[in-house]
Amino acid sequence: MDITQRILADHAARKSAEGITWFDAGDLRRLGLQDQLFTVMQTVQHTLRLRKAHQVVESHGCIDRWSLEDTH
């Protein structure tokens, strides 16, 4: 399973009622991802854009976490 698939699967399992899941370094370790937090964020963001997916990646100015959000 690639990075984006792992993040999307975790998002599906943990997202809030608003369709938002926050990811930090601990979450990446739990998912077995070795890359830095914002490297993973950029990878997921790029892949979702290429797929024209219904999720977006946001940092909201945070430097220790980022979110995956469902769009409509």
PDB file of N, CA and C in Angstrom:
ATOM      1  N   MET A   1       0.859  -1.174   0.000  1.00  0.00           N
ATOM      2  CA  MET A   1       0.000   0.000   0.000  1.00  0.00           C
ATOM      3  C   MET A   1       0.907   1.239   0.000  1.00  0.00           C
ATOM      4  N   ASP A   2       0.652   2.162  -0.923  1.00  0.00           N
ATOM      5  CA  ASP A   2       1.504   3.348  -0.987  1.00  0.00           C
ATOM      6  C   ASP A   2       1.101   4.381   0.070  1.00  0.00           C
ATOM      7  N   ILE A   3       1.887   5.438   0.151  1.00  0.00           N
ATOM      8  CA  ILE A   3       1.686   6.464   1.182  1.00  0.00           C
ATOM      9  C   ILE A   3       0.271   7.031   1.139  1.00  0.00           C
ATOM     10  N   THR A   4      -0.170   7.444  -0.039  1.00  0.00           N
ATOM     11  CA  THR A   4      -1.490   8.075  -0.154  1.00  0.00           C
ATOM     12  C   THR A   4      -2.597   7.102   0.217  1.00  0.00           C
ATOM     13  N   GLN A   5      -2.476   5.853  -0.187  1.00  0.00           N
ATOM     14  CA  GLN A   5      -3.493   4.858   0.163  1.00  0.00           C
ATOM     15  C   GLN A   5      -3.567   4.656   1.676  1.00  0.00           C
ATOM     16  N   ARG A   6      -2.420   4.624   2.335  1.00  0.00           N
ATOM     17  CA  ARG A   6      -2.412   4.470   3.799  1.00  0.00           C
ATOM     18  C   ARG A   6      -3.088   5.659   4.474  1.00  0.00           C
ATOM     19  N   ILE A   7      -2.759   6.860   4.003  1.00  0.00           N
ATOM     20  CA  ILE A   7      -3.350   8.071   4.581  1.00  0.00           C
ATOM     21  C   ILE A   7      -4.855   8.090   4.336  1.00  0.00           C
ATOM     22  N   LEU A   8      -5.288   7.752   3.121  1.00  0.00           N
ATOM     23  CA  LEU A   8      -6.724   7.753   2.816  1.00  0.00           C
ATOM     24  C   LEU A   8      -7.475   6.704   3.639  1.00  0.00           C
ATOM     25  N   ALA A   9      -6.883   5.535   3.829  1.00  0.00           N
ATOM     26  CA  ALA A   9      -7.529   4.493   4.637  1.00  0.00           C
ATOM     27  C   ALA A   9      -7.662   4.950   6.086  1.00  0.00           C
ATOM     28  N   ASP A  10      -6.619   5.580   6.616  1.00  0.00           N
ATOM     29  CA  ASP A  10      -6.671   6.075   7.989  1.00  0.00           C
ATOM     30  C   ASP A  10      -7.679   7.215   8.107  1.00  0.00           C
ATOM     31  N   HIS A  11      -7.715   8.071   7.107  1.00  0.00           N
ATOM     32  CA  HIS A  11      -8.689   9.171   7.076  1.00  0.00           C
ATOM     33  C   HIS A  11     -10.113   8.611   7.114  1.00  0.00           C
ATOM     34  N   ALA A  12     -10.383   7.600   6.312  1.00  0.00           N
ATOM     35  CA  ALA A  12     -11.725   7.008   6.273  1.00  0.00           C
ATOM     36  C   ALA A  12     -12.119   6.445   7.637  1.00  0.00           C
ATOM     37  N   ALA A  13     -11.152   5.903   8.359  1.00  0.00           N
ATOM     38  CA  ALA A  13     -11.434   5.299   9.665  1.00  0.00           C
ATOM     39  C   ALA A  13     -11.560   6.322  10.788  1.00  0.00           C
ATOM     40  N   ARG A  14     -10.859   7.463  10.677  1.00  0.00           N
ATOM     41  CA  ARG A  14     -10.772   8.394  11.806  1.00  0.00           C
ATOM     42  C   ARG A  14     -11.416   9.749  11.589  1.00  0.00           C
ATOM     43  N   LYS A  15     -11.899  10.057  10.408  1.00  0.00           N
ATOM     44  CA  LYS A  15     -12.352  11.423  10.135  1.00  0.00           C
ATOM     45  C   LYS A  15     -13.511  11.841  11.036  1.00  0.00           C
ATOM     46  N   SER A  16     -13.540  13.132  11.293  1.00  0.00           N
ATOM     47  CA  SER A  16     -14.590  13.707  12.135  1.00  0.00           C
ATOM     48  C   SER A  16     -15.894  13.793  11.350  1.00  0.00           C
ATOM     49  N   ALA A  17     -16.938  14.223  12.021  1.00  0.00           N
ATOM     50  CA  ALA A  17     -18.235  14.410  11.363  1.00  0.00           C
ATOM     51  C   ALA A  17     -18.140  15.433  10.234  1.00  0.00           C
ATOM     52  N   GLU A  18     -17.171  16.336  10.338  1.00  0.00           N
ATOM     53  CA  GLU A  18     -16.967  17.354   9.300  1.00  0.00           C
ATOM     54  C   GLU A  18     -16.082  16.844   8.168  1.00  0.00           C
ATOM     55  N   GLY A  19     -15.598  15.600   8.256  1.00  0.00           N
ATOM     56  CA  GLY A  19     -14.756  15.025   7.216  1.00  0.00           C
ATOM     57  C   GLY A  19     -13.301  15.440   7.302  1.00  0.00           C
ATOM     58  N   ILE A  20     -12.812  15.703   8.515  1.00  0.00           N
ATOM     59  CA  ILE A  20     -11.440  16.171   8.714  1.00  0.00           C
ATOM     60  C   ILE A  20     -10.667  15.178   9.583  1.00  0.00           C
ATOM     61  N   THR A  21      -9.438  14.890   9.172  1.00  0.00           N
ATOM     62  CA  THR A  21      -8.524  14.075   9.970  1.00  0.00           C
ATOM     63  C   THR A  21      -7.201  14.809  10.071  1.00  0.00           C
ATOM     64  N   TRP A  22      -6.696  14.958  11.281  1.00  0.00           N
ATOM     65  CA  TRP A  22      -5.389  15.585  11.499  1.00  0.00           C
ATOM     66  C   TRP A  22      -4.320  14.504  11.569  1.00  0.00           C
ATOM     67  N   PHE A  23      -3.157  14.793  10.980  1.00  0.00           N
ATOM     68  CA  PHE A  23      -2.014  13.884  11.003  1.00  0.00           C
ATOM     69  C   PHE A  23      -0.817  14.599  11.608  1.00  0.00           C
ATOM     70  N   ASP A  24      -0.131  13.912  12.531  1.00  0.00           N
ATOM     71  CA  ASP A  24       1.121  14.429  13.091  1.00  0.00           C
ATOM     72  C   ASP A  24       2.169  13.322  12.976  1.00  0.00           C
ATOM     73  N   ALA A  25       3.355  13.570  13.488  1.00  0.00           N
ATOM     74  CA  ALA A  25       4.453  12.607  13.366  1.00  0.00           C
ATOM     75  C   ALA A  25       4.098  11.257  13.994  1.00  0.00           C
ATOM     76  N   GLY A  26       3.368  11.265  15.095  1.00  0.00           N
ATOM     77  CA  GLY A  26       2.954  10.021  15.740  1.00  0.00           C
ATOM     78  C   GLY A  26       2.038   9.190  14.859  1.00  0.00           C
ATOM     79  N   ASP A  27       1.154   9.850  14.143  1.00  0.00           N
ATOM     80  CA  ASP A  27       0.265   9.133  13.224  1.00  0.00           C
ATOM     81  C   ASP A  27       1.062   8.476  12.105  1.00  0.00           C
ATOM     82  N   LEU A  28       2.047   9.195  11.580  1.00  0.00           N
ATOM     83  CA  LEU A  28       2.859   8.630  10.503  1.00  0.00           C
ATOM     84  C   LEU A  28       3.630   7.411  10.993  1.00  0.00           C
ATOM     85  N   ARG A  29       4.186   7.471  12.201  1.00  0.00           N
ATOM     86  CA  ARG A  29       4.879   6.309  12.775  1.00  0.00           C
ATOM     87  C   ARG A  29       3.915   5.139  12.923  1.00  0.00           C
ATOM     88  N   ARG A  30       2.715   5.416  13.411  1.00  0.00           N
ATOM     89  CA  ARG A  30       1.695   4.366  13.586  1.00  0.00           C
ATOM     90  C   ARG A  30       1.359   3.696  12.261  1.00  0.00           C
ATOM     91  N   LEU A  31       1.389   4.469  11.182  1.00  0.00           N
ATOM     92  CA  LEU A  31       1.083   3.943   9.851  1.00  0.00           C
ATOM     93  C   LEU A  31       2.304   3.325   9.169  1.00  0.00           C
ATOM     94  N   GLY A  32       3.451   3.366   9.840  1.00  0.00           N
ATOM     95  CA  GLY A  32       4.661   2.775   9.281  1.00  0.00           C
ATOM     96  C   GLY A  32       5.333   3.620   8.217  1.00  0.00           C
ATOM     97  N   LEU A  33       5.068   4.923   8.231  1.00  0.00           N
ATOM     98  CA  LEU A  33       5.666   5.835   7.252  1.00  0.00           C
ATOM     99  C   LEU A  33       6.906   6.477   7.863  1.00  0.00           C
ATOM    100  N   GLN A  34       8.019   6.392   7.156  1.00  0.00           N
ATOM    101  CA  GLN A  34       9.298   6.862   7.678  1.00  0.00           C
ATOM    102  C   GLN A  34       9.635   8.294   7.281  1.00  0.00           C
ATOM    103  N   ASP A  35       8.969   8.841   6.273  1.00  0.00           N
ATOM    104  CA  ASP A  35       9.300  10.177   5.776  1.00  0.00           C
ATOM    105  C   ASP A  35       8.894  11.260   6.768  1.00  0.00           C
ATOM    106  N   GLN A  36       9.463  12.435   6.588  1.00  0.00           N
ATOM    107  CA  GLN A  36       9.142  13.591   7.420  1.00  0.00           C
ATOM    108  C   GLN A  36       7.684  14.004   7.215  1.00  0.00           C
ATOM    109  N   LEU A  37       7.123  14.661   8.203  1.00  0.00           N
ATOM    110  CA  LEU A  37       5.713  15.043   8.211  1.00  0.00           C
ATOM    111  C   LEU A  37       5.302  15.809   6.955  1.00  0.00           C
ATOM    112  N   PHE A  38       6.052  16.846   6.603  1.00  0.00           N
ATOM    113  CA  PHE A  38       5.636  17.666   5.470  1.00  0.00           C
ATOM    114  C   PHE A  38       6.036  17.068   4.131  1.00  0.00           C
ATOM    115  N   THR A  39       6.971  16.119   4.120  1.00  0.00           N
ATOM    116  CA  THR A  39       7.257  15.363   2.900  1.00  0.00           C
ATOM    117  C   THR A  39       6.054  14.497   2.561  1.00  0.00           C
ATOM    118  N   VAL A  40       5.502  13.831   3.571  1.00  0.00           N
ATOM    119  CA  VAL A  40       4.300  13.019   3.367  1.00  0.00           C
ATOM    120  C   VAL A  40       3.142  13.915   2.944  1.00  0.00           C
ATOM    121  N   MET A  41       2.994  15.062   3.577  1.00  0.00           N
ATOM    122  CA  MET A  41       1.920  15.991   3.222  1.00  0.00           C
ATOM    123  C   MET A  41       2.009  16.364   1.749  1.00  0.00           C
ATOM    124  N   GLN A  42       3.194  16.720   1.273  1.00  0.00           N
ATOM    125  CA  GLN A  42       3.357  17.127  -0.120  1.00  0.00           C
ATOM    126  C   GLN A  42       3.092  15.972  -1.073  1.00  0.00           C
ATOM    127  N   THR A  43       3.523  14.773  -0.707  1.00  0.00           N
ATOM    128  CA  THR A  43       3.276  13.595  -1.538  1.00  0.00           C
ATOM    129  C   THR A  43       1.782  13.343  -1.677  1.00  0.00           C
ATOM    130  N   VAL A  44       1.079  13.362  -0.554  1.00  0.00           N
ATOM    131  CA  VAL A  44      -0.368  13.124  -0.566  1.00  0.00           C
ATOM    132  C   VAL A  44      -1.074  14.233  -1.343  1.00  0.00           C
ATOM    133  N   GLN A  45      -0.698  15.475  -1.096  1.00  0.00           N
ATOM    134  CA  GLN A  45      -1.316  16.609  -1.775  1.00  0.00           C
ATOM    135  C   GLN A  45      -1.149  16.494  -3.290  1.00  0.00           C
ATOM    136  N   HIS A  46       0.041  16.178  -3.734  1.00  0.00           N
ATOM    137  CA  HIS A  46       0.319  16.055  -5.164  1.00  0.00           C
ATOM    138  C   HIS A  46      -0.496  14.914  -5.781  1.00  0.00           C
ATOM    139  N   THR A  47      -0.512  13.765  -5.111  1.00  0.00           N
ATOM    140  CA  THR A  47      -1.247  12.610  -5.623  1.00  0.00           C
ATOM    141  C   THR A  47      -2.743  12.897  -5.706  1.00  0.00           C
ATOM    142  N   LEU A  48      -3.298  13.536  -4.680  1.00  0.00           N
ATOM    143  CA  LEU A  48      -4.732  13.847  -4.693  1.00  0.00           C
ATOM    144  C   LEU A  48      -5.071  14.813  -5.817  1.00  0.00           C
ATOM    145  N   ARG A  49      -4.207  15.790  -6.070  1.00  0.00           N
ATOM    146  CA  ARG A  49      -4.451  16.735  -7.166  1.00  0.00           C
ATOM    147  C   ARG A  49      -4.427  16.023  -8.511  1.00  0.00           C
ATOM    148  N   LEU A  50      -3.460  15.119  -8.691  1.00  0.00           N
ATOM    149  CA  LEU A  50      -3.379  14.372  -9.947  1.00  0.00           C
ATOM    150  C   LEU A  50      -4.624  13.519 -10.164  1.00  0.00           C
ATOM    151  N   ARG A  51      -5.152  12.974  -9.103  1.00  0.00           N
ATOM    152  CA  ARG A  51      -6.343  12.115  -9.185  1.00  0.00           C
ATOM    153  C   ARG A  51      -7.642  12.915  -9.213  1.00  0.00           C
ATOM    154  N   LYS A  52      -7.538  14.228  -9.040  1.00  0.00           N
ATOM    155  CA  LYS A  52      -8.727  15.088  -8.933  1.00  0.00           C
ATOM    156  C   LYS A  52      -9.677  14.529  -7.875  1.00  0.00           C
ATOM    157  N   ALA A  53      -9.092  14.202  -6.745  1.00  0.00           N
ATOM    158  CA  ALA A  53      -9.812  13.563  -5.642  1.00  0.00           C
ATOM    159  C   ALA A  53     -10.727  14.555  -4.931  1.00  0.00           C
ATOM    160  N   HIS A  54     -11.579  14.011  -4.074  1.00  0.00           N
ATOM    161  CA  HIS A  54     -12.524  14.813  -3.295  1.00  0.00           C
ATOM    162  C   HIS A  54     -12.008  15.060  -1.882  1.00  0.00           C
ATOM    163  N   GLN A  55     -10.683  15.129  -1.756  1.00  0.00           N
ATOM    164  CA  GLN A  55     -10.050  15.480  -0.494  1.00  0.00           C
ATOM    165  C   GLN A  55      -8.964  16.512  -0.781  1.00  0.00           C
ATOM    166  N   VAL A  56      -8.699  17.352   0.198  1.00  0.00           N
ATOM    167  CA  VAL A  56      -7.611  18.321   0.096  1.00  0.00           C
ATOM    168  C   VAL A  56      -6.765  18.243   1.360  1.00  0.00           C
ATOM    169  N   VAL A  57      -5.514  18.637   1.205  1.00  0.00           N
ATOM    170  CA  VAL A  57      -4.574  18.683   2.319  1.00  0.00           C
ATOM    171  C   VAL A  57      -4.424  20.134   2.741  1.00  0.00           C
ATOM    172  N   GLU A  58      -4.493  20.383   4.041  1.00  0.00           N
ATOM    173  CA  GLU A  58      -4.361  21.745   4.579  1.00  0.00           C
ATOM    174  C   GLU A  58      -3.448  21.710   5.796  1.00  0.00           C
ATOM    175  N   SER A  59      -2.674  22.780   5.986  1.00  0.00           N
ATOM    176  CA  SER A  59      -1.860  22.876   7.202  1.00  0.00           C
ATOM    177  C   SER A  59      -2.418  23.923   8.165  1.00  0.00           C
ATOM    178  N   HIS A  60      -3.232  24.843   7.669  1.00  0.00           N
ATOM    179  CA  HIS A  60      -3.835  25.894   8.494  1.00  0.00           C
ATOM    180  C   HIS A  60      -2.790  26.625   9.336  1.00  0.00           C
ATOM    181  N   GLY A  61      -1.582  26.765   8.783  1.00  0.00           N
ATOM    182  CA  GLY A  61      -0.518  27.478   9.474  1.00  0.00           C
ATOM    183  C   GLY A  61       0.206  26.676  10.542  1.00  0.00           C
ATOM    184  N   CYS A  62      -0.191  25.432  10.751  1.00  0.00           N
ATOM    185  CA  CYS A  62       0.462  24.586  11.761  1.00  0.00           C
ATOM    186  C   CYS A  62       1.792  24.063  11.225  1.00  0.00           C
ATOM    187  N   ILE A  63       2.759  23.920  12.108  1.00  0.00           N
ATOM    188  CA  ILE A  63       4.042  23.365  11.694  1.00  0.00           C
ATOM    189  C   ILE A  63       4.280  21.963  12.249  1.00  0.00           C
ATOM    190  N   ASP A  64       3.358  21.472  13.069  1.00  0.00           N
ATOM    191  CA  ASP A  64       3.527  20.151  13.669  1.00  0.00           C
ATOM    192  C   ASP A  64       2.444  19.154  13.262  1.00  0.00           C
ATOM    193  N   ARG A  65       1.575  19.557  12.342  1.00  0.00           N
ATOM    194  CA  ARG A  65       0.503  18.665  11.882  1.00  0.00           C
ATOM    195  C   ARG A  65      -0.135  19.243  10.629  1.00  0.00           C
ATOM    196  N   TRP A  66      -0.883  18.400   9.933  1.00  0.00           N
ATOM    197  CA  TRP A  66      -1.652  18.836   8.779  1.00  0.00           C
ATOM    198  C   TRP A  66      -2.929  18.002   8.729  1.00  0.00           C
ATOM    199  N   SER A  67      -3.893  18.469   7.951  1.00  0.00           N
ATOM    200  CA  SER A  67      -5.174  17.766   7.900  1.00  0.00           C
ATOM    201  C   SER A  67      -5.499  17.315   6.487  1.00  0.00           C
ATOM    202  N   LEU A  68      -6.306  16.281   6.431  1.00  0.00           N
ATOM    203  CA  LEU A  68      -6.905  15.821   5.189  1.00  0.00           C
ATOM    204  C   LEU A  68      -8.393  16.083   5.343  1.00  0.00           C
ATOM    205  N   GLU A  69      -8.964  16.781   4.368  1.00  0.00           N
ATOM    206  CA  GLU A  69     -10.357  17.206   4.480  1.00  0.00           C
ATOM    207  C   GLU A  69     -11.149  16.777   3.258  1.00  0.00           C
ATOM    208  N   ASP A  70     -12.332  16.233   3.499  1.00  0.00           N
ATOM    209  CA  ASP A  70     -13.243  15.904   2.405  1.00  0.00           C
ATOM    210  C   ASP A  70     -13.811  17.191   1.830  1.00  0.00           C
ATOM    211  N   THR A  71     -13.937  17.233   0.511  1.00  0.00           N
ATOM    212  CA  THR A  71     -14.579  18.365  -0.155  1.00  0.00           C
ATOM    213  C   THR A  71     -15.844  17.862  -0.828  1.00  0.00           C
ATOM    214  N   HIS A  72     -16.689  18.792  -1.194  1.00  0.00           N
ATOM    215  CA  HIS A  72     -17.957  18.383  -1.818  1.00  0.00           C
ATOM    216  C   HIS A  72     -18.122  19.010  -3.166  1.00  0.00           C
TER     217      HIS A  72
END
